[in-house]
Amino acid sequence: MNVTVFCSAYALDERYTKPVREFARLLGEHGHTLVWGGSNAGLMGVVADEVRAAGGRLVGVNVGLLSHKTYQGADEMVMTADLAERKAVLLARADAIVVLVGGLGTLDEVTEVVELKKHGLHIKPVVLLDTEGFYEGLRIQLARMEAEGFLPRPLDSLVRFASDGAGALALLEQATP
């Protein structure tokens, strides 16, 4: 399975890094392919290193303006012209999507992927790894949108939340043929 991962390109505290290492290790051990932003920086580099060490395949999708941070040693590296094209390629290459902790870029990616799913433009499972309750605010906002009629489908048909890497991978493997 090709698993697209959205996450931070910043170095983060071990409380965020440790669960990512666990998830990435499991991803590689289960023979899945990591499709990610193609960077060697921060959490992006951590997830790629761990998947690689566990025997998984790496497909990077980087963007010209960040080419100086391109991960060396990926099985495949796709270079895109801009961030919008990068998001489109990341989604197109995915069988499933996992969102790890991240900043504004990650928030942009997850909202676009969920919005596209809401409109039926893809049916890929989307799982947020809610490390340390990082996405609790987003979960509350999405639940409010659902309760007040802003979502045409049940929230859990659009996105699922997992508290650890094993739970995230289990949700993906249950949802994909």
Protein backbone atom coordinates (compact mmCIF):
# COMPACT_ATOMS: atom_id res chain seq x y z
CA MET A 1 0.00 0.00 0.00
CA ASN A 2 1.24 3.51 -0.82
CA VAL A 3 0.78 5.59 2.32
CA THR A 4 1.07 9.33 1.87
CA VAL A 5 2.22 11.02 5.05
CA PHE A 6 1.84 14.73 5.77
CA CYS A 7 3.99 16.08 8.61
CA SER A 8 6.32 18.76 9.87
CA ALA A 9 9.68 19.53 8.32
CA TYR A 10 10.89 20.84 11.69
CA ALA A 11 12.89 19.00 14.32
CA LEU A 12 10.53 18.30 17.20
CA ASP A 13 10.63 17.18 20.80
CA GLU A 14 10.91 13.42 21.44
CA ARG A 15 7.29 13.29 22.66
CA TYR A 16 6.31 13.88 19.03
CA THR A 17 9.20 12.06 17.37
CA LYS A 18 8.89 8.75 19.27
CA PRO A 19 5.33 7.92 18.05
CA VAL A 20 6.37 8.84 14.49
CA ARG A 21 9.30 6.44 14.70
CA GLU A 22 6.94 3.70 15.87
CA PHE A 23 4.48 4.33 13.04
CA ALA A 24 7.22 4.55 10.39
CA ARG A 25 8.87 1.35 11.62
CA LEU A 26 5.56 -0.51 11.41
CA LEU A 27 4.91 0.93 7.95
CA GLY A 28 8.22 -0.44 6.70
CA GLU A 29 7.88 -3.78 8.49
CA HIS A 30 4.45 -4.31 6.91
CA GLY A 31 5.95 -3.77 3.45
CA HIS A 32 4.22 -0.49 2.69
CA THR A 33 5.61 2.39 0.63
CA LEU A 34 6.03 5.82 2.21
CA VAL A 35 4.96 8.65 -0.08
CA TRP A 36 5.96 11.93 1.54
CA GLY A 37 7.18 15.46 0.94
CA GLY A 38 10.64 14.26 -0.05
CA SER A 39 12.52 16.27 2.56
CA ASN A 40 15.36 15.24 4.83
CA ALA A 41 14.44 17.96 7.34
CA GLY A 42 12.84 17.46 10.73
CA LEU A 43 10.04 14.95 11.12
CA MET A 44 10.02 14.31 7.36
CA GLY A 45 13.58 13.00 7.59
CA VAL A 46 12.78 10.95 10.68
CA VAL A 47 9.83 9.17 9.08
CA ALA A 48 11.81 8.43 5.90
CA ASP A 49 14.84 7.12 7.83
CA GLU A 50 12.66 4.81 9.94
CA VAL A 51 10.66 3.42 7.00
CA ARG A 52 13.91 2.80 5.10
CA ALA A 53 15.55 1.09 8.11
CA ALA A 54 12.52 -1.20 8.47
CA GLY A 55 12.69 -2.28 4.83
CA GLY A 56 10.02 -0.03 3.33
CA ARG A 57 10.12 1.77 0.01
CA LEU A 58 10.40 5.59 -0.24
CA VAL A 59 8.71 7.81 -2.82
CA GLY A 60 9.45 11.49 -2.27
CA VAL A 61 7.47 14.33 -3.81
CA ASN A 62 9.43 17.52 -3.36
CA VAL A 63 9.06 21.04 -4.67
CA GLY A 64 11.65 23.20 -6.41
CA LEU A 65 11.80 25.85 -3.68
CA LEU A 66 12.79 23.17 -1.15
CA SER A 67 15.14 21.20 -3.39
CA HIS A 68 18.08 21.98 -1.08
CA LYS A 69 16.38 19.73 1.52
CA THR A 70 15.78 16.76 -0.78
CA TYR A 71 16.15 13.38 0.91
CA GLN A 72 19.03 11.40 -0.55
CA GLY A 73 18.44 7.69 -1.00
CA ALA A 74 14.74 7.63 -1.84
CA ASP A 75 13.69 4.88 -4.24
CA GLU A 76 11.96 7.52 -6.33
CA MET A 77 11.94 11.33 -6.15
CA VAL A 78 9.39 13.43 -8.02
CA MET A 79 10.08 17.16 -8.30
CA THR A 80 7.10 19.50 -8.67
CA ALA A 81 6.87 23.13 -9.70
CA ASP A 82 4.92 24.39 -6.67
CA LEU A 83 3.17 23.37 -3.46
CA ALA A 84 -0.22 22.93 -5.12
CA GLU A 85 1.20 20.45 -7.63
CA ARG A 86 3.03 18.67 -4.81
CA LYS A 87 -0.22 18.17 -2.86
CA ALA A 88 -1.95 16.87 -5.99
CA VAL A 89 0.83 14.36 -6.68
CA LEU A 90 0.94 13.25 -3.03
CA LEU A 91 -2.79 12.55 -3.12
CA ALA A 92 -2.66 10.88 -6.54
CA ARG A 93 0.10 8.50 -5.42
CA ALA A 94 -1.71 7.54 -2.20
CA ASP A 95 -3.78 4.50 -1.37
CA ALA A 96 -4.20 5.98 2.11
CA ILE A 97 -3.22 9.15 3.98
CA VAL A 98 -1.78 9.62 7.46
CA VAL A 99 -1.34 13.04 9.02
CA LEU A 100 1.33 13.38 11.69
CA VAL A 101 1.99 16.48 13.78
CA GLY A 102 2.80 19.56 11.74
CA GLY A 103 2.31 23.24 11.22
CA LEU A 104 0.39 25.37 8.75
CA GLY A 105 1.47 23.38 5.70
CA THR A 106 0.25 20.16 7.30
CA LEU A 107 -3.03 21.79 8.32
CA ASP A 108 -3.48 23.00 4.73
CA GLU A 109 -2.84 19.50 3.42
CA VAL A 110 -5.24 17.72 5.77
CA THR A 111 -8.08 20.18 5.22
CA GLU A 112 -7.74 19.92 1.44
CA VAL A 113 -7.64 16.12 1.50
CA VAL A 114 -10.72 15.95 3.76
CA GLU A 115 -12.56 18.55 1.65
CA LEU A 116 -11.87 16.58 -1.53
CA LYS A 117 -13.08 13.41 0.18
CA LYS A 118 -16.23 15.21 1.36
CA HIS A 119 -17.04 15.94 -2.29
CA GLY A 120 -16.38 12.35 -3.35
CA LEU A 121 -13.23 13.21 -5.30
CA HIS A 122 -11.39 10.36 -3.57
CA ILE A 123 -12.30 7.52 -1.22
CA LYS A 124 -8.90 7.00 0.40
CA PRO A 125 -8.80 6.52 4.17
CA VAL A 126 -7.49 9.54 6.08
CA VAL A 127 -6.08 9.03 9.58
CA LEU A 128 -4.68 11.65 11.92
CA LEU A 129 -2.10 10.39 14.39
CA ASP A 130 -3.18 12.46 17.36
CA THR A 131 0.09 12.43 19.29
CA GLU A 132 -0.19 14.03 22.73
CA GLY A 133 -3.66 15.32 21.82
CA PHE A 134 -2.09 17.56 19.16
CA TYR A 135 -5.20 17.45 16.97
CA GLU A 136 -7.78 17.65 19.76
CA GLY A 137 -8.74 21.21 18.75
CA LEU A 138 -9.27 20.12 15.15
CA ARG A 139 -11.29 17.10 16.30
CA ILE A 140 -13.54 19.40 18.36
CA GLN A 141 -14.01 21.80 15.45
CA LEU A 142 -14.83 18.99 13.02
CA ALA A 143 -17.30 17.46 15.50
CA ARG A 144 -19.00 20.84 15.82
CA MET A 145 -19.21 21.14 12.03
CA GLU A 146 -20.81 17.70 11.91
CA ALA A 147 -23.25 18.45 14.76
CA GLU A 148 -24.33 21.75 13.22
CA GLY A 149 -24.90 20.36 9.73
CA PHE A 150 -21.79 21.60 7.92
CA LEU A 151 -20.74 18.10 6.84
CA PRO A 152 -22.87 16.13 4.37
CA ARG A 153 -21.51 12.82 5.67
CA PRO A 154 -20.60 11.40 9.07
CA LEU A 155 -17.24 12.69 10.28
CA ASP A 156 -15.80 9.21 10.77
CA SER A 157 -16.41 8.48 7.07
CA LEU A 158 -14.13 11.42 6.23
CA VAL A 159 -11.33 11.17 8.77
CA ARG A 160 -10.35 8.94 11.68
CA PHE A 161 -8.13 9.66 14.66
CA ALA A 162 -5.59 7.29 16.21
CA SER A 163 -3.70 7.73 19.45
CA ASP A 164 -0.65 5.71 18.41
CA GLY A 165 1.18 4.40 15.38
CA ALA A 166 -0.14 0.85 15.64
CA GLY A 167 -3.71 2.19 15.80
CA ALA A 168 -3.14 4.43 12.77
CA LEU A 169 -1.76 1.57 10.69
CA ALA A 170 -4.59 -0.75 11.79
CA LEU A 171 -7.19 1.81 10.65
CA LEU A 172 -5.48 2.06 7.26
CA GLU A 173 -5.15 -1.67 6.77
CA GLN A 174 -8.82 -2.22 7.74
CA ALA A 175 -10.00 0.42 5.29
CA THR A 176 -8.02 -0.58 2.20
CA PRO A 177 -8.51 -3.73 0.14
